[in-house]
Amino acid sequence: MAQYQTEAIVLSVRNWGEADKMLRLFSRDHGKITAAAFGARRPKSPLASGLQMFQTVELSLTAGERVDTVRGCRLIHRYPHFETDLLAMAYASFIAEVLLELAPDGAPQPEIYDWLPSVLAACGPKNPRIVALAAGFQLLDFAGMGFSFNACAVSGAPIEGDAYFSAEEGGALSPTAAVNIQKKRPYPEGLRTLLTKLSAIDWAAPPAFTAKKSEIVAGESLLVSYLQETFGHGLRSMKFIRQLGA
């Protein structure tokens, strides 16, 4: 089987068997990778310290039909704030879960790989809830599955003032279009303004700004409902976040 090397960010780790790990990685050159690291949970394994969540690593792998095998690992970068900030870790896990759901297997997406480190670096030093909210919308845009915040999903007409939102209908709804839609939620002008700003954040130089907690909570609920409608199932990371009382 072919061997290859790549730089990747660890986005999911779960125990497998007695001493192994199953990993989901995101690489600039190969996109999403699923790989097994045999013996990685043994203390003396050379893989033990390098395959932790959100670490950037240089990997040597053997390609398999369904799952690749990690042969070697060298740590390149870690994010220390995730080791002490559980809430930041939880929201970073949300970002990772959304990315893994949206990214196709084995398809390079260098623009996302180059985007991701700055997002992870901000998730903790900046408000992780806001970072995750902005990142979720940006990932939808990367995947070509985003929606317009300022135009009606049904009519395409520009939205002014307060309106509605429906995950089932695919986004914002003008008051006229929303009349016959049962599953809808309020979409006030202030929330629309906030989400428009968040979706345009440049992570190379993220701005400092504040937002009402009620609008952040409403935006998160809107995003999660849209993602669940898109994926056809709930998000595991949201259970973790709710357990922390966020």
Foldseek 3Di string as FASTA:
>chain_A
DDKDKFKWFWQDWDDDDDAKIWTWIATQQFGTAIAIEPNLRPPPDQNVPFRDHGWIWMFMWADDPRHIYTDHIDTDDDAVLVVPDVLLVLLSSLLSQLRVLLIDGRDRDNVVVVQPVLLSNCSRVPPNLLSSLLSLQLSCVSSVLHDDLQAALVPRHGEDFKFKFALVSRTTHHNVRCPPPDHIGIDGPLLSVSNVVSNPADSVDGDDDDDDPVSSVVSVVRSQNNVCVVSVHHDPSVVVNVVVVD
